[in-house]
Protein backbone atom coordinates (compact mmCIF):
# COMPACT_ATOMS: atom_id res chain seq x y z
CA UNK A 1 9.21 19.22 -1.54
CA UNK A 2 11.04 18.02 -4.59
CA UNK A 3 11.02 15.01 -6.82
CA UNK A 4 13.20 12.00 -6.18
CA UNK A 5 16.61 12.58 -7.65
CA UNK A 6 16.67 8.95 -8.77
CA UNK A 7 14.08 6.45 -9.94
CA UNK A 8 12.71 3.99 -7.43
CA UNK A 9 14.10 0.51 -8.00
CA UNK A 10 11.99 -1.63 -10.30
CA UNK A 11 10.17 -4.41 -8.47
CA UNK A 12 11.07 -7.44 -10.56
CA UNK A 13 14.89 -7.29 -10.43
CA UNK A 14 14.78 -6.82 -6.64
CA UNK A 15 12.70 -9.94 -6.03
CA UNK A 16 14.00 -12.17 -8.81
CA UNK A 17 17.40 -12.36 -7.11
CA UNK A 18 16.88 -14.13 -3.77
CA UNK A 19 20.28 -12.97 -2.50
CA UNK A 20 19.29 -9.31 -2.76
CA UNK A 21 16.11 -9.66 -0.70
CA UNK A 22 16.02 -13.13 0.91
CA UNK A 23 13.10 -12.39 3.25
CA UNK A 24 10.86 -11.06 0.47
CA UNK A 25 11.77 -13.91 -1.84
CA UNK A 26 11.11 -16.65 0.72
CA UNK A 27 8.06 -15.11 2.44
CA UNK A 28 6.42 -14.12 -0.82
CA UNK A 29 6.83 -17.56 -2.36
CA UNK A 30 5.56 -19.24 0.82
CA UNK A 31 2.37 -17.13 0.89
CA UNK A 32 1.54 -16.96 -2.81
CA UNK A 33 -0.40 -19.80 -4.44
CA UNK A 34 -0.03 -20.30 -8.19
CA UNK A 35 -2.99 -21.31 -10.37
CA UNK A 36 -3.59 -25.05 -10.16
CA UNK A 37 -1.10 -25.58 -7.33
CA UNK A 38 -2.06 -27.98 -4.55
CA UNK A 39 -1.74 -26.67 -1.00
CA UNK A 40 0.37 -28.51 1.56
CA UNK A 41 -1.62 -30.29 4.26
CA UNK A 42 -0.86 -27.71 6.96
CA UNK A 43 -2.25 -24.89 4.79
CA UNK A 44 -5.53 -26.43 3.70
CA UNK A 45 -7.55 -24.64 6.39
CA UNK A 46 -5.94 -21.23 5.75
CA UNK A 47 -8.23 -18.77 3.91
CA UNK A 48 -7.16 -17.73 0.43
CA UNK A 49 -7.81 -14.44 -1.38
CA UNK A 50 -7.37 -13.81 -5.13
CA UNK A 51 -4.60 -11.39 -5.99
CA UNK A 52 -3.14 -10.34 -9.33
CA UNK A 53 -3.44 -12.36 -12.54
CA UNK A 54 -4.80 -15.69 -11.31
CA UNK A 55 -2.79 -15.94 -8.08
CA UNK A 56 -4.07 -16.31 -4.53
CA UNK A 57 -2.48 -15.33 -1.24
CA UNK A 58 -2.74 -17.29 2.01
CA UNK A 59 -4.18 -15.06 4.78
CA UNK A 60 -2.22 -16.46 7.69
CA UNK A 61 -2.88 -15.23 11.22
CA UNK A 62 0.65 -13.92 11.67
CA UNK A 63 0.87 -12.06 8.35
CA UNK A 64 2.31 -8.59 8.83
CA UNK A 65 3.35 -5.66 6.66
CA UNK A 66 6.56 -7.25 5.39
CA UNK A 67 4.85 -10.53 4.51
CA UNK A 68 2.08 -8.79 2.58
CA UNK A 69 4.58 -6.63 0.69
CA UNK A 70 6.61 -9.73 -0.18
CA UNK A 71 3.54 -11.61 -1.43
CA UNK A 72 2.53 -8.74 -3.72
CA UNK A 73 6.09 -8.31 -4.92
CA UNK A 74 6.37 -11.96 -5.88
CA UNK A 75 2.97 -11.85 -7.63
CA UNK A 76 4.25 -8.94 -9.71
CA UNK A 77 7.58 -10.65 -10.35
CA UNK A 78 5.65 -13.54 -11.85
CA UNK A 79 3.67 -11.11 -14.03
CA UNK A 80 6.47 -9.52 -16.06
CA UNK A 81 4.22 -7.36 -18.23
CA UNK A 82 3.95 -4.75 -15.46
CA UNK A 83 6.59 -5.58 -12.88
CA UNK A 84 9.54 -4.19 -14.81
CA UNK A 85 8.15 -0.65 -15.22
CA UNK A 86 10.91 1.84 -14.31
CA UNK A 87 10.32 3.34 -10.89
CA UNK A 88 7.34 1.08 -10.16
CA UNK A 89 5.85 1.19 -6.66
CA UNK A 90 2.87 -0.52 -5.04
CA UNK A 91 0.01 1.98 -4.91
CA UNK A 92 -3.61 2.71 -3.99
CA UNK A 93 -5.59 -0.19 -2.47
CA UNK A 94 -2.69 -2.61 -3.03
CA UNK A 95 -0.41 -0.43 -0.90
CA UNK A 96 -3.21 0.07 1.64
CA UNK A 97 -3.56 -3.70 1.98
CA UNK A 98 0.19 -3.98 2.57
CA UNK A 99 -0.10 -1.50 5.45
CA UNK A 100 -3.47 -2.54 6.87
CA UNK A 101 -4.24 -6.13 6.02
CA UNK A 102 -7.74 -7.54 5.63
CA UNK A 103 -8.65 -9.00 2.24
CA UNK A 104 -6.73 -7.65 -0.76
CA UNK A 105 -8.39 -6.29 -3.86
CA UNK A 106 -7.88 -8.90 -6.58
CA UNK A 107 -6.50 -6.29 -9.03
CA UNK A 108 -2.98 -5.14 -8.20
CA UNK A 109 -2.30 -1.42 -8.53
CA UNK A 110 1.22 -0.32 -9.41
CA UNK A 111 2.28 3.29 -9.97
CA UNK A 112 5.06 4.65 -12.14
CA UNK A 113 6.10 8.10 -13.30
CA UNK A 114 6.59 6.88 -16.86
CA UNK A 115 3.82 4.49 -17.88
CA UNK A 116 0.08 3.88 -17.69
CA UNK A 117 -1.14 0.44 -18.79
CA UNK A 118 -3.79 -2.15 -17.95
CA UNK A 119 -3.26 -5.89 -17.97
CA UNK A 120 -5.25 -8.79 -16.62
CA UNK A 121 -5.21 -8.46 -12.83
CA UNK A 122 -2.78 -5.52 -12.88
CA UNK A 123 -3.27 -1.79 -13.40
CA UNK A 124 -0.15 0.31 -13.91
CA UNK A 125 -1.03 3.93 -13.18
CA UNK A 126 1.03 7.02 -14.02
CA UNK A 127 1.56 9.42 -11.10
CA UNK A 128 4.13 11.92 -9.86
CA UNK A 129 6.20 10.65 -6.94
CA UNK A 130 7.93 13.10 -4.63
CA UNK A 131 10.36 12.95 -1.71
CA UNK A 132 8.89 11.05 1.23
CA UNK A 133 6.21 9.33 -0.84
CA UNK A 134 7.84 5.88 -0.92
CA UNK A 135 8.62 3.35 1.82
CA UNK A 136 10.30 -0.07 1.50
CA UNK A 137 8.66 -2.83 3.59
CA UNK A 138 10.63 -6.04 2.93
CA UNK A 139 12.56 -4.00 0.36
CA UNK A 140 9.50 -3.63 -1.88
CA UNK A 141 8.88 -0.01 -3.06
CA UNK A 142 5.45 1.00 -1.71
CA UNK A 143 3.65 4.32 -1.47
CA UNK A 144 3.89 5.65 2.08
CA UNK A 145 0.63 5.70 4.10
CA UNK A 146 0.02 9.45 3.78
CA UNK A 147 0.34 9.31 0.00
CA UNK A 148 -1.82 6.17 -0.19
CA UNK A 149 -4.51 8.02 1.77
CA UNK A 150 -4.32 10.92 -0.69
CA UNK A 151 -4.66 8.59 -3.68
CA UNK A 152 -7.56 6.62 -2.20
CA UNK A 153 -9.59 9.75 -1.46
CA UNK A 154 -9.25 11.39 -4.86
CA UNK A 155 -12.43 11.88 -6.89
CA UNK A 156 -11.53 9.19 -9.44
CA UNK A 157 -10.47 6.56 -6.88
CA UNK A 158 -11.68 3.01 -7.65
CA UNK A 159 -14.66 1.43 -5.91
CA UNK A 160 -13.90 0.38 -2.35
CA UNK A 161 -10.98 2.79 -2.00
CA UNK A 162 -12.67 4.73 0.82
CA UNK A 163 -12.82 1.56 2.93
CA UNK A 164 -9.06 1.14 2.68
CA UNK A 165 -8.60 4.86 3.44
CA UNK A 166 -10.57 4.47 6.67
CA UNK A 167 -8.47 1.46 7.63
CA UNK A 168 -5.32 3.57 7.31
CA UNK A 169 -6.77 6.02 9.83
CA UNK A 170 -8.30 3.35 12.08
CA UNK A 171 -4.98 1.54 12.45
CA UNK A 172 -2.96 4.69 13.08
CA UNK A 173 -0.94 4.75 9.87
CA UNK A 174 -2.44 8.15 9.00
CA UNK A 175 -3.61 10.82 11.44
CA UNK A 176 -5.01 14.30 10.97
CA UNK A 177 -1.94 15.67 12.79
CA UNK A 178 0.40 13.94 10.32
CA UNK A 179 -1.41 15.47 7.36
CA UNK A 180 -1.44 18.91 8.97
CA UNK A 181 2.34 18.70 9.44
CA UNK A 182 2.79 17.69 5.79
CA UNK A 183 0.72 20.69 4.72
CA UNK A 184 2.90 22.92 6.87
CA UNK A 185 6.09 21.51 5.35
CA UNK A 186 4.66 21.99 1.85
CA UNK A 187 4.05 25.65 2.65
CA UNK A 188 7.65 26.13 3.77
CA UNK A 189 9.26 24.18 0.94
CA UNK A 190 9.34 27.07 -1.53
CA UNK A 191 8.18 26.88 -5.10
CA UNK A 192 8.20 23.20 -6.03
CA UNK A 193 7.13 20.95 -8.85
CA UNK A 194 4.55 18.23 -9.10
CA UNK A 195 2.33 16.68 -6.49
CA UNK A 196 3.66 18.27 -3.30
CA UNK A 197 4.49 21.75 -4.48
CA UNK A 198 3.32 24.58 -2.20
CA UNK A 199 0.32 25.49 -4.36
CA UNK A 200 -1.04 21.95 -4.56
CA UNK A 201 0.43 20.09 -1.61
CA UNK A 202 -0.55 22.55 1.11
CA UNK A 203 -4.19 22.89 0.07
CA UNK A 204 -4.53 19.18 -0.62
CA UNK A 205 -3.12 18.05 2.70
CA UNK A 206 -5.17 20.58 4.62
CA UNK A 207 -8.30 19.05 3.06
CA UNK A 208 -7.05 15.55 3.80
CA UNK A 209 -6.37 16.51 7.42
CA UNK A 210 -9.99 17.62 7.78
CA UNK A 211 -11.19 14.36 6.25
CA UNK A 212 -8.93 12.29 8.50
CA UNK A 213 -10.22 14.14 11.55
CA UNK A 214 -13.81 13.39 10.52
CA UNK A 215 -12.93 9.70 10.25
CA UNK A 216 -11.16 9.80 13.62
CA UNK A 217 -14.19 11.35 15.31
CA UNK A 218 -16.54 8.82 13.72
CA UNK A 219 -14.34 5.94 14.83
CA UNK A 220 -14.12 7.34 18.37
CA UNK A 221 -17.89 7.68 18.56
CA UNK A 222 -18.44 4.06 17.52
CA UNK A 223 -15.49 2.43 19.28
CA UNK A 224 -16.49 -0.49 21.54
CA UNK A 225 -16.05 -0.30 25.29
CA UNK A 226 -12.69 -1.54 26.66
CA UNK A 227 -12.68 -5.30 26.92
CA UNK A 228 -15.13 -5.76 24.05
CA UNK A 229 -12.83 -4.79 21.21
CA UNK A 230 -12.34 -7.27 18.38
CA UNK A 231 -8.88 -7.85 16.97
CA UNK A 232 -8.47 -8.18 13.22
CA UNK A 233 -6.53 -11.47 12.86
CA UNK A 234 -5.12 -10.41 9.48
CA UNK A 235 -4.62 -6.67 9.81
CA UNK A 236 -2.32 -4.58 11.98
CA UNK A 237 -3.40 -3.60 15.51
CA UNK A 238 -1.57 -0.28 15.32
CA UNK A 239 1.51 1.52 14.08
CA UNK A 240 3.16 1.06 17.48
CA UNK A 241 3.05 -2.73 17.45
CA UNK A 242 4.71 -3.19 14.08
């Protein structure tokens, strides 16, 4: 695997121009609540969760991947100190929330190959991004599920990261078979650079595949009987349904 030949688009310019990404602009602004803003009558019973530097997001029952990505993107667009980092992508538990739902972590995590900074409500982390590591829900650059899983299970991952990692497996965004295939591709890719080179990527993804399988087995052992399963009203039922 090799690095991207071009930098991922910065978040702020994409979302600041409504014509370039109309869904993200409209959905993100509809879901995000600014400090001190009064909610419309229809939204006063909708739960809110803090996100970013003083913002809150409305956890609507029909919120999906694209809506969550748009809400985070708009929160970052309104926080210019981190949103304009070259090649910035949503990362770690922020990306996991985009894929899985639930309640977001109030601190937004953004990753870039060039910068590492901390601001109020936002942590910009420096990482190496390789081919296949980025997806674009609602046009917002976001670490792909397999890479999010890898970041959340690293030794220095922030508190609560393992919970988001388990959600990625529980909802089918990451499977042990997926990670095994990535390890196989890393082995065949020849001598590479950075995160997914054959010496690091293969061994790493083999370990992650074992971890994912352990989570899968634990979830299978504790899964409720058919007919008694509870549906997460905020999160995703599965990869197939979105």
